[in-house]
Amino acid sequence: MMSQQIDKGLTIMDFFSRIRRMISGQERVVGAIDILAPVSGKIVDLEQVPDAVFADKIVGDGIAIQPEGRYLVAPISGKIGKMFDTHHAFSIESPQGVELFVHFGIGTIELRGNGFTGLVNSGDTVEAGQPIIEFDLDYLKQQQLCLLTPVVVANMEDFKGINKYSGRVKANKDVIFSINTQAK
């Protein structure tokens, strides 16, 4: 996605994001917002995901996790923006305006929902740690797809930066990244 520059380095996307924040009345948060692991496993650099949409950060910046367990949980409290019909991905927006996109695996959309059970619907309000999707890891491994699970900030243009963590994480226990909320 190309972004045109307008006055003083402000992009059109930055401009629209600021307008959206003003209209919605979102409070400005000072400091950082911690994002919890939505699934247990090992953190992997987003650039290692074998899909250019994620590796080139087209949909946002973040990390990926090599998943373990059987649930994807909400990495923040907020409102489910979109629960995909195939239950392999969802988006969530926090009250502070952080928009996250969580996508289980690469090519998993081709499974047409097999191996996944959605536990919430688009528009539902959820708490951090609440199960969102149940998955059958054994079945998914048998499909020989990449199971790396990207977790990205879809509206990174609204924030100053991101501090990514590494290593093994447990769902709803460990922070995977922190977002610096100082607006650009």
Protein backbone atom coordinates (compact mmCIF):
# COMPACT_ATOMS: atom_id res chain seq x y z
CA MET A 1 0.00 0.00 0.00
CA MET A 2 1.49 3.34 -0.98
CA SER A 3 1.07 6.33 1.25
CA GLN A 4 1.33 9.85 -0.13
CA GLN A 5 3.09 12.55 1.85
CA ILE A 6 1.31 15.73 2.83
CA ASP A 7 2.49 18.77 4.79
CA LYS A 8 5.54 18.25 7.09
CA GLY A 9 5.95 14.52 6.53
CA LEU A 10 2.43 13.63 7.64
CA THR A 11 1.04 10.85 5.47
CA ILE A 12 -2.57 10.65 4.34
CA MET A 13 -2.98 7.53 6.49
CA ASP A 14 -1.64 9.43 9.54
CA PHE A 15 -4.08 12.24 8.81
CA PHE A 16 -7.10 9.92 8.60
CA SER A 17 -6.02 8.03 11.73
CA ARG A 18 -5.85 11.30 13.68
CA ILE A 19 -9.29 12.34 12.41
CA ARG A 20 -10.72 8.93 13.41
CA ARG A 21 -9.22 9.25 16.92
CA MET A 22 -10.66 12.75 17.35
CA ILE A 23 -14.13 11.70 16.20
CA SER A 24 -14.21 8.56 18.36
CA GLY A 25 -13.14 10.50 21.46
CA GLN A 26 -10.40 7.99 22.30
CA GLU A 27 -8.33 9.12 25.24
CA ARG A 28 -4.66 9.70 24.62
CA VAL A 29 -2.57 7.18 26.54
CA VAL A 30 0.91 8.18 27.68
CA GLY A 31 3.61 5.55 27.86
CA ALA A 32 3.32 2.05 26.47
CA ILE A 33 0.62 -0.55 25.95
CA ASP A 34 1.70 -4.15 26.53
CA ILE A 35 0.37 -6.80 24.17
CA LEU A 36 0.10 -10.30 25.63
CA ALA A 37 0.79 -13.54 23.78
CA PRO A 38 -2.43 -14.78 22.16
CA VAL A 39 -0.95 -18.30 21.96
CA SER A 40 1.86 -20.18 23.69
CA GLY A 41 5.00 -20.93 21.71
CA LYS A 42 8.24 -19.43 20.42
CA ILE A 43 8.42 -15.87 19.09
CA VAL A 44 9.77 -15.59 15.55
CA ASP A 45 10.70 -12.43 13.64
CA LEU A 46 7.83 -11.31 11.41
CA GLU A 47 10.27 -11.16 8.48
CA GLN A 48 10.59 -14.98 8.67
CA VAL A 49 6.90 -15.54 7.88
CA PRO A 50 6.72 -17.03 4.34
CA ASP A 51 4.08 -14.55 3.15
CA ALA A 52 5.07 -11.11 1.86
CA VAL A 53 1.91 -9.53 3.29
CA PHE A 54 3.33 -10.19 6.77
CA ALA A 55 7.11 -10.36 6.13
CA ASP A 56 7.10 -6.99 4.34
CA LYS A 57 4.83 -5.53 7.06
CA ILE A 58 2.12 -4.57 4.56
CA VAL A 59 -0.64 -5.21 7.13
CA GLY A 60 1.37 -3.92 10.08
CA ASP A 61 4.37 -4.49 12.33
CA GLY A 62 4.64 -7.12 15.03
CA ILE A 63 5.91 -10.66 15.58
CA ALA A 64 4.94 -14.24 14.79
CA ILE A 65 4.64 -17.20 17.15
CA GLN A 66 5.27 -20.89 16.42
CA PRO A 67 2.10 -22.07 18.21
CA GLU A 68 1.53 -24.67 20.90
CA GLY A 69 -1.61 -25.58 22.80
CA ARG A 70 -5.19 -25.35 21.54
CA TYR A 71 -6.45 -21.78 22.00
CA LEU A 72 -5.90 -18.33 20.54
CA VAL A 73 -6.83 -15.82 23.25
CA ALA A 74 -7.40 -12.08 23.19
CA PRO A 75 -4.00 -10.34 23.45
CA ILE A 76 -5.72 -7.20 24.79
CA SER A 77 -9.15 -6.26 26.09
CA GLY A 78 -11.34 -4.75 23.41
CA LYS A 79 -13.90 -5.31 20.69
CA ILE A 80 -13.61 -8.02 18.04
CA GLY A 81 -13.58 -6.11 14.76
CA LYS A 82 -13.70 -9.14 12.49
CA MET A 83 -13.91 -12.86 13.14
CA PHE A 84 -13.21 -14.56 9.83
CA ASP A 85 -15.80 -17.12 8.71
CA THR A 86 -13.04 -19.74 8.53
CA HIS A 87 -12.07 -18.96 12.17
CA HIS A 88 -8.36 -18.82 11.33
CA ALA A 89 -7.96 -15.09 12.05
CA PHE A 90 -9.48 -12.14 13.90
CA SER A 91 -8.96 -8.45 14.49
CA ILE A 92 -9.45 -6.64 17.78
CA GLU A 93 -9.42 -2.96 18.79
CA SER A 94 -8.60 -1.81 22.31
CA PRO A 95 -10.29 1.16 24.01
CA GLN A 96 -6.94 2.99 23.54
CA GLY A 97 -7.21 2.58 19.76
CA VAL A 98 -4.73 -0.26 19.22
CA GLU A 99 -5.88 -2.36 16.26
CA LEU A 100 -4.40 -5.86 16.23
CA PHE A 101 -4.66 -8.58 13.60
CA VAL A 102 -4.00 -12.19 14.67
CA HIS A 103 -3.69 -14.73 11.84
CA PHE A 104 -3.17 -18.44 12.60
CA GLY A 105 -0.75 -19.89 10.06
CA ILE A 106 -0.16 -19.27 6.37
CA GLY A 107 -2.53 -20.87 3.89
CA THR A 108 -4.92 -21.90 6.65
CA ILE A 109 -7.78 -20.08 4.93
CA GLU A 110 -7.71 -22.93 2.39
CA LEU A 111 -8.86 -25.31 5.14
CA ARG A 112 -12.29 -23.60 5.06
CA GLY A 113 -12.56 -23.65 8.83
CA ASN A 114 -11.49 -27.27 9.37
CA GLY A 115 -9.33 -27.46 12.48
CA PHE A 116 -10.74 -24.23 13.94
CA THR A 117 -13.72 -23.38 16.15
CA GLY A 118 -14.68 -19.73 16.65
CA LEU A 119 -15.67 -18.96 20.23
CA VAL A 120 -16.75 -15.31 19.76
CA ASN A 121 -18.35 -13.22 17.02
CA SER A 122 -17.50 -9.98 15.26
CA GLY A 123 -18.60 -7.09 17.47
CA ASP A 124 -18.19 -8.97 20.78
CA THR A 125 -16.39 -7.22 23.63
CA VAL A 126 -13.71 -9.46 25.16
CA GLU A 127 -11.19 -9.36 27.98
CA ALA A 128 -7.47 -10.02 27.58
CA GLY A 129 -6.89 -13.75 27.89
CA GLN A 130 -10.42 -14.74 26.84
CA PRO A 131 -10.38 -17.67 24.38
CA ILE A 132 -11.25 -16.47 20.86
CA ILE A 133 -10.48 -19.50 18.69
CA GLU A 134 -9.98 -23.17 19.56
CA PHE A 135 -7.66 -25.03 17.17
CA ASP A 136 -6.70 -28.66 16.62
CA LEU A 137 -2.90 -28.45 16.43
CA ASP A 138 -2.43 -32.13 15.49
CA TYR A 139 -4.85 -31.81 12.56
CA LEU A 140 -3.24 -28.54 11.43
CA LYS A 141 0.26 -30.06 11.54
CA GLN A 142 -0.95 -32.94 9.33
CA GLN A 143 -1.97 -30.41 6.67
CA GLN A 144 1.72 -29.48 6.20
CA LEU A 145 1.06 -25.74 6.24
CA CYS A 146 3.21 -23.09 7.88
CA LEU A 147 1.71 -22.60 11.34
CA LEU A 148 3.60 -19.40 12.21
CA THR A 149 0.97 -17.08 13.69
CA PRO A 150 1.51 -13.37 12.97
CA VAL A 151 0.31 -10.82 15.53
CA VAL A 152 0.50 -7.32 14.06
CA VAL A 153 -0.48 -3.76 14.89
CA ALA A 154 -2.64 -2.82 11.92
CA ASN A 155 -2.59 0.91 12.71
CA MET A 156 1.10 1.34 13.50
CA GLU A 157 0.95 4.79 11.88
CA ASP A 158 -0.89 5.98 15.02
CA PHE A 159 2.06 5.18 17.30
CA LYS A 160 5.68 6.15 17.73
CA GLY A 161 7.18 2.68 17.84
CA ILE A 162 7.12 -0.92 18.97
CA ASN A 163 9.41 -2.82 21.34
CA LYS A 164 9.41 -6.51 20.40
CA TYR A 165 10.34 -9.33 22.76
CA SER A 166 11.81 -12.74 21.96
CA GLY A 167 11.94 -16.26 23.35
CA ARG A 168 9.24 -18.65 24.50
CA VAL A 169 5.91 -17.24 25.66
CA LYS A 170 2.79 -18.49 27.40
CA ALA A 171 -0.63 -17.31 26.24
CA ASN A 172 -2.06 -14.50 28.40
CA LYS A 173 1.02 -14.53 30.64
CA ASP A 174 3.91 -13.04 28.67
CA VAL A 175 4.22 -9.74 26.82
CA ILE A 176 5.15 -10.17 23.13
CA PHE A 177 5.59 -6.47 22.38
CA SER A 178 4.93 -3.01 23.79
CA ILE A 179 3.58 -0.14 21.73
CA ASN A 180 4.92 3.34 22.43
CA THR A 181 1.77 5.45 22.54
CA GLN A 182 3.41 8.81 22.03
CA ALA A 183 1.57 9.93 18.88
CA LYS A 184 3.66 10.79 15.84
